[in-house]
N, C-alpha and C. Protein backbone atom coordinates (compact mmCIF):
# COMPACT_ATOMS: atom_id res chain seq x y z
N MET A 1 78.49 107.80 86.11
CA MET A 1 79.23 107.69 87.38
C MET A 1 80.27 108.80 87.43
N PRO A 2 80.47 109.43 88.59
CA PRO A 2 81.36 110.56 88.68
C PRO A 2 82.75 110.30 88.14
N GLY A 3 83.29 109.11 88.30
CA GLY A 3 84.63 108.81 87.87
C GLY A 3 84.85 108.92 86.40
N SER A 4 83.78 108.71 85.60
CA SER A 4 83.94 108.73 84.15
C SER A 4 83.88 110.12 83.57
N THR A 5 83.44 111.09 84.36
CA THR A 5 83.26 112.42 83.81
C THR A 5 84.07 113.50 84.51
N ILE A 6 84.92 113.12 85.45
CA ILE A 6 85.60 114.13 86.29
C ILE A 6 86.51 115.00 85.47
N VAL A 7 87.24 114.44 84.49
CA VAL A 7 88.11 115.25 83.66
C VAL A 7 87.34 116.30 82.91
N GLU A 8 86.18 115.88 82.33
CA GLU A 8 85.34 116.84 81.62
C GLU A 8 84.82 117.90 82.56
N ASP A 9 84.47 117.50 83.79
CA ASP A 9 83.98 118.49 84.78
C ASP A 9 85.04 119.56 85.05
N ILE A 10 86.26 119.13 85.20
CA ILE A 10 87.37 120.08 85.51
C ILE A 10 87.55 121.04 84.33
N GLU A 11 87.58 120.49 83.10
CA GLU A 11 87.76 121.36 81.94
C GLU A 11 86.62 122.36 81.83
N LEU A 12 85.36 121.88 82.06
CA LEU A 12 84.24 122.79 81.97
C LEU A 12 84.33 123.92 83.04
N ILE A 13 84.76 123.52 84.23
CA ILE A 13 84.87 124.53 85.30
C ILE A 13 85.93 125.56 84.91
N ILE A 14 87.06 125.10 84.41
CA ILE A 14 88.15 126.01 84.06
C ILE A 14 87.72 126.96 82.94
N GLU A 15 87.10 126.40 81.90
CA GLU A 15 86.67 127.22 80.77
C GLU A 15 85.57 128.16 81.19
N ASP A 16 84.66 127.75 82.13
CA ASP A 16 83.61 128.59 82.60
C ASP A 16 84.20 129.82 83.32
N ILE A 17 85.22 129.59 84.11
CA ILE A 17 85.89 130.75 84.79
C ILE A 17 86.53 131.67 83.76
N GLY A 18 87.23 131.10 82.81
CA GLY A 18 87.92 131.86 81.80
C GLY A 18 86.97 132.67 80.94
N GLY A 19 85.77 132.15 80.73
CA GLY A 19 84.84 132.80 79.80
C GLY A 19 84.09 133.96 80.44
N GLY A 20 84.18 134.12 81.74
CA GLY A 20 83.34 135.14 82.37
C GLY A 20 84.13 136.32 82.88
N GLY A 21 85.26 136.59 82.28
CA GLY A 21 86.14 137.62 82.79
C GLY A 21 85.94 139.00 82.22
N GLY A 22 84.83 139.24 81.52
CA GLY A 22 84.59 140.57 81.01
C GLY A 22 85.57 140.95 79.97
N ASN A 23 86.27 142.11 80.17
CA ASN A 23 87.25 142.63 79.20
C ASN A 23 88.63 142.12 79.47
N ARG A 24 88.78 141.15 80.33
CA ARG A 24 90.11 140.61 80.64
C ARG A 24 90.73 140.01 79.38
N PRO A 25 91.95 140.37 79.00
CA PRO A 25 92.55 139.81 77.81
C PRO A 25 92.82 138.36 77.95
N PRO A 26 92.92 137.64 76.77
CA PRO A 26 93.21 136.20 76.80
C PRO A 26 94.46 135.91 77.57
N GLY A 27 94.43 134.87 78.39
CA GLY A 27 95.63 134.52 79.19
C GLY A 27 95.56 135.06 80.56
N GLY A 28 94.98 136.22 80.73
CA GLY A 28 94.76 136.83 82.02
C GLY A 28 96.04 137.16 82.73
N GLY A 29 97.20 136.96 82.09
CA GLY A 29 98.46 137.28 82.77
C GLY A 29 98.87 136.19 83.68
N ASP A 30 100.18 135.94 83.82
CA ASP A 30 100.69 134.89 84.67
C ASP A 30 101.33 135.49 85.90
N ASP A 31 100.99 136.72 86.22
CA ASP A 31 101.64 137.38 87.33
C ASP A 31 100.92 137.26 88.65
N GLY A 32 99.83 136.42 88.67
CA GLY A 32 99.10 136.22 89.93
C GLY A 32 98.09 137.25 90.20
N GLU A 33 97.79 138.16 89.21
CA GLU A 33 96.80 139.23 89.50
C GLU A 33 95.40 138.81 89.19
N GLY A 34 95.23 137.68 88.44
CA GLY A 34 93.90 137.30 87.96
C GLY A 34 92.90 137.14 89.12
N GLY A 35 93.33 136.48 90.22
CA GLY A 35 92.43 136.26 91.31
C GLY A 35 92.08 137.54 92.06
N LYS A 36 92.96 138.55 92.01
CA LYS A 36 92.72 139.78 92.74
C LYS A 36 91.75 140.67 92.00
N ARG A 37 91.75 140.60 90.69
CA ARG A 37 90.91 141.51 89.91
C ARG A 37 89.43 141.08 89.95
N ARG A 38 89.18 139.81 90.23
CA ARG A 38 87.83 139.31 90.19
C ARG A 38 87.28 139.31 91.58
N GLY A 39 86.26 140.12 91.85
CA GLY A 39 85.69 140.22 93.16
C GLY A 39 84.89 139.01 93.51
N PRO A 40 84.66 138.75 94.79
CA PRO A 40 83.96 137.53 95.22
C PRO A 40 82.52 137.50 94.79
N GLN A 41 81.96 138.65 94.44
CA GLN A 41 80.54 138.71 94.07
C GLN A 41 80.35 138.78 92.55
N SER A 42 81.41 138.66 91.76
CA SER A 42 81.28 138.74 90.30
C SER A 42 80.55 137.52 89.80
N PRO A 43 79.82 137.64 88.64
CA PRO A 43 79.06 136.52 88.10
C PRO A 43 79.96 135.27 87.84
N SER A 44 81.17 135.54 87.30
CA SER A 44 82.04 134.41 87.00
C SER A 44 82.48 133.68 88.28
N SER A 45 82.72 134.44 89.35
CA SER A 45 83.10 133.83 90.63
C SER A 45 81.94 132.95 91.17
N ARG A 46 80.71 133.47 91.04
CA ARG A 46 79.56 132.69 91.49
C ARG A 46 79.41 131.43 90.68
N ARG A 47 79.61 131.55 89.36
CA ARG A 47 79.48 130.36 88.53
C ARG A 47 80.60 129.35 88.87
N TYR A 48 81.76 129.87 89.13
CA TYR A 48 82.88 128.98 89.53
C TYR A 48 82.54 128.27 90.82
N ALA A 49 82.09 129.02 91.84
CA ALA A 49 81.79 128.42 93.13
C ALA A 49 80.71 127.36 92.99
N THR A 50 79.67 127.67 92.22
CA THR A 50 78.59 126.71 92.05
C THR A 50 79.09 125.44 91.34
N ALA A 51 79.89 125.60 90.30
CA ALA A 51 80.36 124.45 89.54
C ALA A 51 81.25 123.57 90.38
N ILE A 52 82.20 124.17 91.10
CA ILE A 52 83.13 123.34 91.87
C ILE A 52 82.43 122.62 93.01
N ILE A 53 81.42 123.31 93.63
CA ILE A 53 80.67 122.68 94.72
C ILE A 53 79.86 121.52 94.21
N LEU A 54 79.21 121.72 93.05
CA LEU A 54 78.39 120.62 92.50
C LEU A 54 79.24 119.40 92.13
N ALA A 55 80.43 119.67 91.57
CA ALA A 55 81.30 118.60 91.17
C ALA A 55 81.76 117.80 92.40
N ILE A 56 82.13 118.53 93.44
CA ILE A 56 82.58 117.89 94.68
C ILE A 56 81.41 117.15 95.37
N LEU A 57 80.26 117.77 95.39
CA LEU A 57 79.10 117.13 96.05
C LEU A 57 78.69 115.84 95.36
N SER A 58 78.80 115.81 94.05
CA SER A 58 78.46 114.58 93.32
C SER A 58 79.40 113.45 93.69
N ILE A 59 80.66 113.76 93.87
CA ILE A 59 81.63 112.72 94.30
C ILE A 59 81.36 112.32 95.75
N VAL A 60 81.09 113.30 96.60
CA VAL A 60 80.82 113.01 98.02
C VAL A 60 79.62 112.06 98.13
N MET A 61 78.54 112.35 97.42
CA MET A 61 77.33 111.54 97.52
C MET A 61 77.58 110.11 97.05
N PHE A 62 78.40 109.99 96.01
CA PHE A 62 78.73 108.65 95.48
C PHE A 62 79.51 107.84 96.51
N PHE A 63 80.54 108.46 97.11
CA PHE A 63 81.34 107.74 98.08
C PHE A 63 80.59 107.54 99.40
N MET A 64 79.67 108.44 99.76
CA MET A 64 78.88 108.21 100.95
C MET A 64 77.98 107.01 100.82
N ALA A 65 77.45 106.80 99.60
CA ALA A 65 76.62 105.61 99.36
C ALA A 65 77.46 104.33 99.50
N MET A 66 78.66 104.38 98.98
CA MET A 66 79.55 103.24 99.14
C MET A 66 79.96 103.01 100.60
N ALA A 67 80.22 104.10 101.31
CA ALA A 67 80.60 104.00 102.71
C ALA A 67 79.42 103.44 103.55
N SER A 68 78.20 103.84 103.21
CA SER A 68 77.05 103.31 103.92
C SER A 68 76.92 101.78 103.75
N ALA A 69 77.15 101.32 102.52
CA ALA A 69 77.12 99.88 102.25
C ALA A 69 78.24 99.19 103.04
N PHE A 70 79.41 99.80 103.11
CA PHE A 70 80.52 99.22 103.88
C PHE A 70 80.16 99.07 105.35
N ILE A 71 79.63 100.15 105.92
CA ILE A 71 79.29 100.13 107.36
C ILE A 71 78.20 99.11 107.65
N PHE A 72 77.20 99.06 106.76
CA PHE A 72 76.08 98.11 106.99
C PHE A 72 76.56 96.67 106.95
N LEU A 73 77.33 96.34 105.93
CA LEU A 73 77.83 94.97 105.82
C LEU A 73 78.80 94.61 106.93
N ARG A 74 79.60 95.59 107.32
CA ARG A 74 80.57 95.34 108.44
C ARG A 74 79.81 95.02 109.72
N ALA A 75 78.66 95.63 109.91
CA ALA A 75 77.93 95.45 111.16
C ALA A 75 77.01 94.22 111.13
N THR A 76 76.59 93.81 109.98
CA THR A 76 75.56 92.74 109.89
C THR A 76 76.04 91.44 109.28
N SER A 77 77.07 91.47 108.46
CA SER A 77 77.45 90.28 107.73
C SER A 77 78.22 89.31 108.66
N LYS A 78 77.85 88.06 108.53
CA LYS A 78 78.57 87.00 109.27
C LYS A 78 79.77 86.46 108.50
N LEU A 79 79.92 86.95 107.26
CA LEU A 79 81.00 86.48 106.39
C LEU A 79 82.18 87.46 106.38
N TRP A 80 82.05 88.53 107.18
CA TRP A 80 83.09 89.56 107.13
C TRP A 80 84.38 89.06 107.78
N VAL A 81 85.48 89.18 107.03
CA VAL A 81 86.80 88.78 107.55
C VAL A 81 87.68 90.05 107.57
N PRO A 82 88.19 90.46 108.72
CA PRO A 82 89.01 91.68 108.82
C PRO A 82 90.22 91.59 107.88
N LEU A 83 90.55 92.72 107.28
CA LEU A 83 91.66 92.78 106.36
C LEU A 83 92.75 93.72 106.92
N ARG A 84 93.94 93.20 107.01
CA ARG A 84 95.05 94.03 107.47
C ARG A 84 95.57 94.88 106.31
N LEU A 85 95.58 96.17 106.50
CA LEU A 85 95.99 97.09 105.43
C LEU A 85 97.51 96.97 105.14
N PRO A 86 97.87 96.99 103.86
CA PRO A 86 99.30 96.94 103.52
C PRO A 86 100.07 98.12 104.13
N TRP A 87 101.26 97.91 104.59
CA TRP A 87 102.02 99.00 105.20
C TRP A 87 102.31 100.13 104.23
N LEU A 88 102.33 99.82 102.94
CA LEU A 88 102.65 100.82 101.93
C LEU A 88 101.56 101.89 101.86
N ILE A 89 100.34 101.55 102.29
CA ILE A 89 99.25 102.52 102.31
C ILE A 89 99.61 103.77 103.09
N TRP A 90 100.31 103.56 104.21
CA TRP A 90 100.66 104.71 105.07
C TRP A 90 101.72 105.59 104.41
N VAL A 91 102.64 104.97 103.71
CA VAL A 91 103.65 105.74 102.95
C VAL A 91 102.96 106.54 101.87
N ASN A 92 102.04 105.88 101.16
CA ASN A 92 101.30 106.60 100.10
C ASN A 92 100.54 107.78 100.63
N THR A 93 99.96 107.62 101.81
CA THR A 93 99.21 108.74 102.42
C THR A 93 100.11 109.91 102.70
N ALA A 94 101.31 109.67 103.21
CA ALA A 94 102.28 110.73 103.47
C ALA A 94 102.67 111.43 102.17
N VAL A 95 102.86 110.66 101.09
CA VAL A 95 103.23 111.23 99.80
C VAL A 95 102.10 112.14 99.30
N LEU A 96 100.85 111.70 99.43
CA LEU A 96 99.72 112.55 98.94
C LEU A 96 99.59 113.84 99.72
N LEU A 97 99.75 113.75 101.04
CA LEU A 97 99.67 114.96 101.86
C LEU A 97 100.83 115.92 101.56
N LEU A 98 102.02 115.36 101.32
CA LEU A 98 103.14 116.16 100.94
C LEU A 98 102.87 116.88 99.62
N SER A 99 102.25 116.19 98.71
CA SER A 99 101.88 116.80 97.42
C SER A 99 101.03 118.04 97.61
N SER A 100 100.04 117.97 98.51
CA SER A 100 99.17 119.14 98.76
C SER A 100 99.98 120.29 99.36
N GLY A 101 100.89 119.94 100.28
CA GLY A 101 101.72 121.01 100.86
C GLY A 101 102.59 121.69 99.84
N VAL A 102 103.21 120.92 98.99
CA VAL A 102 104.07 121.49 97.96
C VAL A 102 103.26 122.33 96.98
N MET A 103 102.01 121.89 96.70
CA MET A 103 101.15 122.66 95.81
C MET A 103 100.82 124.03 96.38
N GLU A 104 100.59 124.10 97.68
CA GLU A 104 100.29 125.38 98.27
C GLU A 104 101.50 126.31 98.24
N LEU A 105 102.72 125.73 98.41
CA LEU A 105 103.92 126.54 98.27
C LEU A 105 104.03 127.10 96.83
N ALA A 106 103.65 126.25 95.89
CA ALA A 106 103.68 126.69 94.48
C ALA A 106 102.73 127.87 94.27
N ARG A 107 101.56 127.78 94.83
CA ARG A 107 100.58 128.88 94.63
C ARG A 107 101.06 130.16 95.31
N ARG A 108 101.77 130.05 96.39
CA ARG A 108 102.33 131.26 97.03
C ARG A 108 103.39 131.89 96.11
N ARG A 109 104.20 131.10 95.45
CA ARG A 109 105.19 131.66 94.56
C ARG A 109 104.49 132.30 93.35
N LEU A 110 103.38 131.71 92.91
CA LEU A 110 102.65 132.30 91.81
C LEU A 110 102.06 133.65 92.17
N ALA A 111 101.56 133.77 93.42
CA ALA A 111 101.04 135.05 93.89
C ALA A 111 102.09 136.11 93.96
N LEU A 112 103.36 135.70 94.07
CA LEU A 112 104.49 136.65 94.11
C LEU A 112 105.10 136.83 92.76
N ALA A 113 104.45 136.28 91.69
CA ALA A 113 104.90 136.39 90.31
C ALA A 113 106.21 135.72 90.07
N ASP A 114 106.53 134.75 90.91
CA ASP A 114 107.77 133.96 90.71
C ASP A 114 107.40 132.70 89.89
N ILE A 115 107.27 132.90 88.58
CA ILE A 115 106.78 131.83 87.71
C ILE A 115 107.68 130.63 87.67
N GLN A 116 108.96 130.84 87.68
CA GLN A 116 109.86 129.72 87.59
C GLN A 116 109.81 128.81 88.83
N ARG A 117 109.80 129.44 89.99
CA ARG A 117 109.66 128.66 91.21
C ARG A 117 108.33 127.95 91.29
N PHE A 118 107.29 128.67 90.82
CA PHE A 118 105.98 128.08 90.77
C PHE A 118 105.97 126.82 89.92
N ARG A 119 106.57 126.88 88.76
CA ARG A 119 106.58 125.70 87.85
C ARG A 119 107.34 124.55 88.50
N ASN A 120 108.44 124.87 89.14
CA ASN A 120 109.24 123.80 89.77
C ASN A 120 108.47 123.12 90.90
N LEU A 121 107.84 123.91 91.74
CA LEU A 121 107.05 123.38 92.86
C LEU A 121 105.83 122.63 92.35
N TRP A 122 105.17 123.21 91.37
CA TRP A 122 103.95 122.57 90.82
C TRP A 122 104.29 121.23 90.20
N SER A 123 105.40 121.19 89.51
CA SER A 123 105.89 119.92 88.87
C SER A 123 106.19 118.88 89.93
N ALA A 124 106.77 119.36 91.06
CA ALA A 124 107.08 118.42 92.17
C ALA A 124 105.78 117.88 92.78
N ALA A 125 104.79 118.76 92.92
CA ALA A 125 103.49 118.29 93.49
C ALA A 125 102.83 117.28 92.55
N THR A 126 102.95 117.53 91.25
CA THR A 126 102.38 116.62 90.25
C THR A 126 103.08 115.27 90.29
N LEU A 127 104.39 115.31 90.40
CA LEU A 127 105.18 114.05 90.45
C LEU A 127 104.82 113.26 91.70
N LEU A 128 104.62 113.93 92.81
CA LEU A 128 104.21 113.22 94.03
C LEU A 128 102.85 112.57 93.87
N GLY A 129 101.96 113.24 93.11
CA GLY A 129 100.65 112.62 92.84
C GLY A 129 100.79 111.36 92.03
N VAL A 130 101.70 111.40 91.03
CA VAL A 130 101.95 110.21 90.23
C VAL A 130 102.55 109.08 91.11
N LEU A 131 103.46 109.46 91.98
CA LEU A 131 104.03 108.47 92.88
C LEU A 131 102.98 107.86 93.79
N PHE A 132 102.02 108.65 94.22
CA PHE A 132 100.92 108.11 95.06
C PHE A 132 100.18 107.01 94.30
N LEU A 133 99.82 107.26 93.04
CA LEU A 133 99.10 106.25 92.26
C LEU A 133 99.94 105.00 92.05
N ILE A 134 101.23 105.18 91.76
CA ILE A 134 102.09 104.03 91.61
C ILE A 134 102.18 103.27 92.91
N GLY A 135 102.24 103.96 94.02
CA GLY A 135 102.29 103.32 95.32
C GLY A 135 101.02 102.56 95.64
N GLN A 136 99.87 103.08 95.19
CA GLN A 136 98.62 102.35 95.38
C GLN A 136 98.60 101.03 94.61
N LEU A 137 99.13 101.07 93.40
CA LEU A 137 99.24 99.81 92.59
C LEU A 137 100.16 98.84 93.30
N ALA A 138 101.24 99.36 93.88
CA ALA A 138 102.17 98.47 94.61
C ALA A 138 101.50 97.87 95.84
N ALA A 139 100.59 98.66 96.53
CA ALA A 139 99.86 98.14 97.64
C ALA A 139 98.93 97.04 97.21
N TRP A 140 98.29 97.19 96.05
CA TRP A 140 97.46 96.13 95.54
C TRP A 140 98.30 94.86 95.30
N ARG A 141 99.50 95.06 94.80
CA ARG A 141 100.38 93.92 94.58
C ARG A 141 100.74 93.18 95.86
N GLN A 142 100.92 93.97 96.93
CA GLN A 142 101.21 93.35 98.23
C GLN A 142 100.04 92.48 98.66
N LEU A 143 98.82 92.99 98.48
CA LEU A 143 97.66 92.19 98.87
C LEU A 143 97.52 90.92 98.03
N ILE A 144 97.76 91.08 96.74
CA ILE A 144 97.63 89.93 95.85
C ILE A 144 98.66 88.85 96.22
N ARG A 145 99.87 89.29 96.57
CA ARG A 145 100.88 88.35 96.97
C ARG A 145 100.49 87.61 98.28
N ALA A 146 99.73 88.31 99.11
CA ALA A 146 99.26 87.72 100.35
C ALA A 146 98.04 86.86 100.17
N GLY A 147 97.54 86.80 98.92
CA GLY A 147 96.42 85.95 98.63
C GLY A 147 95.04 86.60 98.74
N PHE A 148 95.01 87.94 98.78
CA PHE A 148 93.73 88.67 98.86
C PHE A 148 93.43 89.33 97.51
N TYR A 149 92.29 88.88 96.94
CA TYR A 149 91.85 89.43 95.68
C TYR A 149 90.52 90.16 95.85
N VAL A 150 89.99 90.69 94.78
CA VAL A 150 88.73 91.43 94.88
C VAL A 150 87.62 90.56 95.43
N ALA A 151 87.55 89.34 94.99
CA ALA A 151 86.47 88.44 95.39
C ALA A 151 86.82 87.53 96.58
N THR A 152 87.94 87.79 97.24
CA THR A 152 88.35 86.89 98.36
C THR A 152 87.35 86.97 99.50
N ASN A 153 87.01 88.16 99.91
CA ASN A 153 85.99 88.35 100.95
C ASN A 153 85.46 89.78 100.83
N GLN A 154 84.50 90.12 101.66
CA GLN A 154 83.83 91.42 101.56
C GLN A 154 84.79 92.58 101.91
N ALA A 155 85.65 92.36 102.86
CA ALA A 155 86.59 93.41 103.28
C ALA A 155 87.60 93.73 102.17
N SER A 156 88.11 92.69 101.55
CA SER A 156 89.07 92.93 100.47
C SER A 156 88.36 93.56 99.24
N SER A 157 87.12 93.17 99.03
CA SER A 157 86.37 93.77 97.91
C SER A 157 86.23 95.28 98.11
N PHE A 158 85.88 95.69 99.33
CA PHE A 158 85.73 97.13 99.60
C PHE A 158 87.09 97.85 99.49
N PHE A 159 88.13 97.20 99.94
CA PHE A 159 89.45 97.84 99.83
C PHE A 159 89.77 98.16 98.37
N TYR A 160 89.59 97.19 97.50
CA TYR A 160 89.91 97.41 96.07
C TYR A 160 88.95 98.43 95.45
N ILE A 161 87.69 98.39 95.84
CA ILE A 161 86.68 99.34 95.31
C ILE A 161 87.03 100.77 95.73
N PHE A 162 87.25 100.96 97.06
CA PHE A 162 87.52 102.29 97.56
C PHE A 162 88.81 102.87 96.97
N THR A 163 89.90 102.10 97.04
CA THR A 163 91.18 102.60 96.52
C THR A 163 91.17 102.75 95.00
N GLY A 164 90.47 101.87 94.31
CA GLY A 164 90.41 101.96 92.86
C GLY A 164 89.61 103.17 92.37
N LEU A 165 88.43 103.40 92.97
CA LEU A 165 87.64 104.54 92.60
C LEU A 165 88.29 105.87 92.96
N HIS A 166 88.92 105.87 94.15
CA HIS A 166 89.64 107.09 94.55
C HIS A 166 90.79 107.35 93.59
N GLY A 167 91.49 106.31 93.21
CA GLY A 167 92.60 106.47 92.21
C GLY A 167 92.11 106.99 90.89
N LEU A 168 90.94 106.52 90.47
CA LEU A 168 90.37 106.99 89.19
C LEU A 168 90.04 108.45 89.24
N HIS A 169 89.43 108.90 90.34
CA HIS A 169 89.13 110.33 90.46
C HIS A 169 90.43 111.14 90.63
N LEU A 170 91.40 110.58 91.31
CA LEU A 170 92.69 111.28 91.49
C LEU A 170 93.37 111.45 90.13
N LEU A 171 93.19 110.45 89.27
CA LEU A 171 93.78 110.52 87.92
C LEU A 171 93.19 111.74 87.18
N GLY A 172 91.89 111.99 87.37
CA GLY A 172 91.32 113.20 86.82
C GLY A 172 91.99 114.46 87.37
N GLY A 173 92.27 114.48 88.67
CA GLY A 173 92.99 115.60 89.21
C GLY A 173 94.38 115.78 88.64
N LEU A 174 95.06 114.65 88.39
CA LEU A 174 96.38 114.75 87.71
C LEU A 174 96.31 115.36 86.34
N CYS A 175 95.20 115.06 85.65
CA CYS A 175 95.01 115.72 84.32
C CYS A 175 94.96 117.24 84.47
N ALA A 176 94.29 117.68 85.53
CA ALA A 176 94.22 119.12 85.78
C ALA A 176 95.60 119.69 86.14
N LEU A 177 96.38 118.94 86.91
CA LEU A 177 97.70 119.40 87.31
C LEU A 177 98.61 119.52 86.05
N PHE A 178 98.52 118.53 85.19
CA PHE A 178 99.31 118.58 83.98
C PHE A 178 98.84 119.71 83.05
N TYR A 179 97.53 119.99 83.09
CA TYR A 179 97.01 121.10 82.29
C TYR A 179 97.68 122.40 82.75
N VAL A 180 97.72 122.62 84.08
CA VAL A 180 98.34 123.83 84.60
C VAL A 180 99.82 123.89 84.31
N ALA A 181 100.48 122.73 84.39
CA ALA A 181 101.94 122.64 84.24
C ALA A 181 102.37 122.91 82.80
N PHE A 182 101.61 122.48 81.80
CA PHE A 182 102.08 122.53 80.45
C PHE A 182 101.27 123.46 79.50
N ARG A 183 100.17 124.04 79.99
CA ARG A 183 99.39 124.93 79.15
C ARG A 183 100.13 126.23 78.89
N ARG A 184 100.07 126.70 77.65
CA ARG A 184 100.63 128.00 77.34
C ARG A 184 99.52 129.05 77.59
N PHE A 185 99.60 129.68 78.79
CA PHE A 185 98.48 130.50 79.21
C PHE A 185 98.39 131.86 78.51
N GLU A 186 99.46 132.23 77.81
CA GLU A 186 99.37 133.49 77.07
C GLU A 186 98.38 133.35 75.92
N ARG A 187 98.03 132.13 75.56
CA ARG A 187 97.05 131.90 74.49
C ARG A 187 95.72 131.32 75.00
N ALA A 188 95.61 131.22 76.29
CA ALA A 188 94.44 130.61 76.92
C ALA A 188 93.39 131.64 77.28
N LYS A 189 92.18 131.17 77.48
CA LYS A 189 91.09 132.05 77.92
C LYS A 189 91.02 132.17 79.43
N VAL A 190 91.89 131.47 80.09
CA VAL A 190 91.89 131.47 81.54
C VAL A 190 93.30 131.77 82.02
N SER A 191 93.43 132.47 83.14
CA SER A 191 94.72 132.80 83.68
C SER A 191 95.33 131.59 84.38
N ARG A 192 96.64 131.62 84.49
CA ARG A 192 97.32 130.55 85.22
C ARG A 192 96.89 130.53 86.67
N THR A 193 96.68 131.72 87.26
CA THR A 193 96.22 131.77 88.64
C THR A 193 94.90 131.08 88.91
N VAL A 194 93.95 131.36 88.03
CA VAL A 194 92.63 130.71 88.20
C VAL A 194 92.72 129.20 87.96
N ALA A 195 93.43 128.79 86.95
CA ALA A 195 93.59 127.34 86.66
C ALA A 195 94.27 126.64 87.82
N ALA A 196 95.28 127.25 88.40
CA ALA A 196 95.96 126.63 89.54
C ALA A 196 95.04 126.58 90.76
N GLU A 197 94.20 127.59 90.92
CA GLU A 197 93.27 127.59 92.06
C GLU A 197 92.25 126.47 91.93
N VAL A 198 91.67 126.31 90.74
CA VAL A 198 90.69 125.26 90.52
C VAL A 198 91.30 123.88 90.77
N ALA A 199 92.46 123.66 90.18
CA ALA A 199 93.13 122.36 90.31
C ALA A 199 93.50 122.09 91.80
N SER A 200 93.94 123.07 92.50
CA SER A 200 94.35 122.87 93.88
C SER A 200 93.13 122.55 94.77
N TYR A 201 91.99 123.22 94.53
CA TYR A 201 90.80 122.94 95.31
C TYR A 201 90.43 121.48 95.15
N TYR A 202 90.39 120.98 93.92
CA TYR A 202 90.01 119.59 93.70
C TYR A 202 91.06 118.66 94.31
N TRP A 203 92.31 118.98 94.19
CA TRP A 203 93.38 118.13 94.73
C TRP A 203 93.28 117.99 96.24
N HIS A 204 93.07 119.10 96.92
CA HIS A 204 92.92 119.08 98.39
C HIS A 204 91.68 118.29 98.77
N PHE A 205 90.65 118.41 97.98
CA PHE A 205 89.45 117.61 98.28
C PHE A 205 89.74 116.13 98.18
N MET A 206 90.52 115.72 97.16
CA MET A 206 90.87 114.33 97.00
C MET A 206 91.72 113.84 98.18
N ASP A 207 92.55 114.74 98.70
CA ASP A 207 93.30 114.41 99.92
C ASP A 207 92.39 114.08 101.10
N GLY A 208 91.42 114.99 101.30
CA GLY A 208 90.47 114.79 102.39
C GLY A 208 89.63 113.54 102.21
N LEU A 209 89.24 113.26 100.96
CA LEU A 209 88.48 112.07 100.69
C LEU A 209 89.29 110.81 100.99
N TRP A 210 90.56 110.86 100.68
CA TRP A 210 91.42 109.70 100.94
C TRP A 210 91.57 109.44 102.44
N ILE A 211 91.75 110.52 103.18
CA ILE A 211 91.87 110.35 104.64
C ILE A 211 90.59 109.75 105.21
N PHE A 212 89.46 110.17 104.71
CA PHE A 212 88.18 109.61 105.16
C PHE A 212 88.11 108.08 104.84
N LEU A 213 88.46 107.76 103.61
CA LEU A 213 88.37 106.35 103.21
C LEU A 213 89.39 105.49 103.96
N LEU A 214 90.58 106.05 104.23
CA LEU A 214 91.56 105.33 105.01
C LEU A 214 91.12 105.05 106.42
N ALA A 215 90.53 106.08 107.03
CA ALA A 215 89.98 105.91 108.38
C ALA A 215 88.88 104.87 108.40
N LEU A 216 88.02 104.90 107.34
CA LEU A 216 86.94 103.94 107.30
C LEU A 216 87.51 102.50 107.19
N LEU A 217 88.50 102.33 106.32
CA LEU A 217 89.06 101.00 106.14
C LEU A 217 89.83 100.52 107.38
N TYR A 218 90.51 101.45 108.05
CA TYR A 218 91.33 101.09 109.20
C TYR A 218 90.45 100.76 110.43
N PHE A 219 89.50 101.60 110.74
CA PHE A 219 88.68 101.44 111.93
C PHE A 219 87.56 100.41 111.69
N GLY A 220 87.26 100.16 110.41
CA GLY A 220 86.21 99.25 110.08
C GLY A 220 86.71 97.84 109.76
N LYS A 221 87.97 97.65 109.90
CA LYS A 221 88.54 96.36 109.51
C LYS A 221 88.15 95.26 110.49
């Protein structure tokens, strides 16, 4: 299942990029030049593009299968009971979107070789991601207090499944963010620029996936 291997997928993608840099010295420099030196048609770039697309597509197919089951049961089941989403879900969504925005500001500072500002902003984006997961657990607690559990009805089951699986995949993304935040790149086979790029692509994808799931839960309730 994609959720059990996403951390390994990210590490393989990062190492694959780092291993294909030709005569590039270890670490690749933290000055933001790594991405500029590698042309879009280089073998390592093609491997990177293929790897990240396959990783994302595997997750998309998995969630599309779950979404299809949701839509089918919502339309045909006579036992479906609409579920009112916890208000905290909307706060969590804003936190996750803010995390992506801060991450892009961090990448801009990295492109300008402002490593200290990059670290500060990247750490802030990572912290917001952690807060999102904590907020999701708090939303679960709100539902439990209201008497809705996984097995209460079909709607509540899908809510826990969607939010739980998304949170599991997001946890893999947090591992990548922590990797970028704490790795000593002067001893790494991959540059800080490339590692940040890979992590941000996956993080933004998880944002988009969450918006899709939220819309599905809201309009399908």
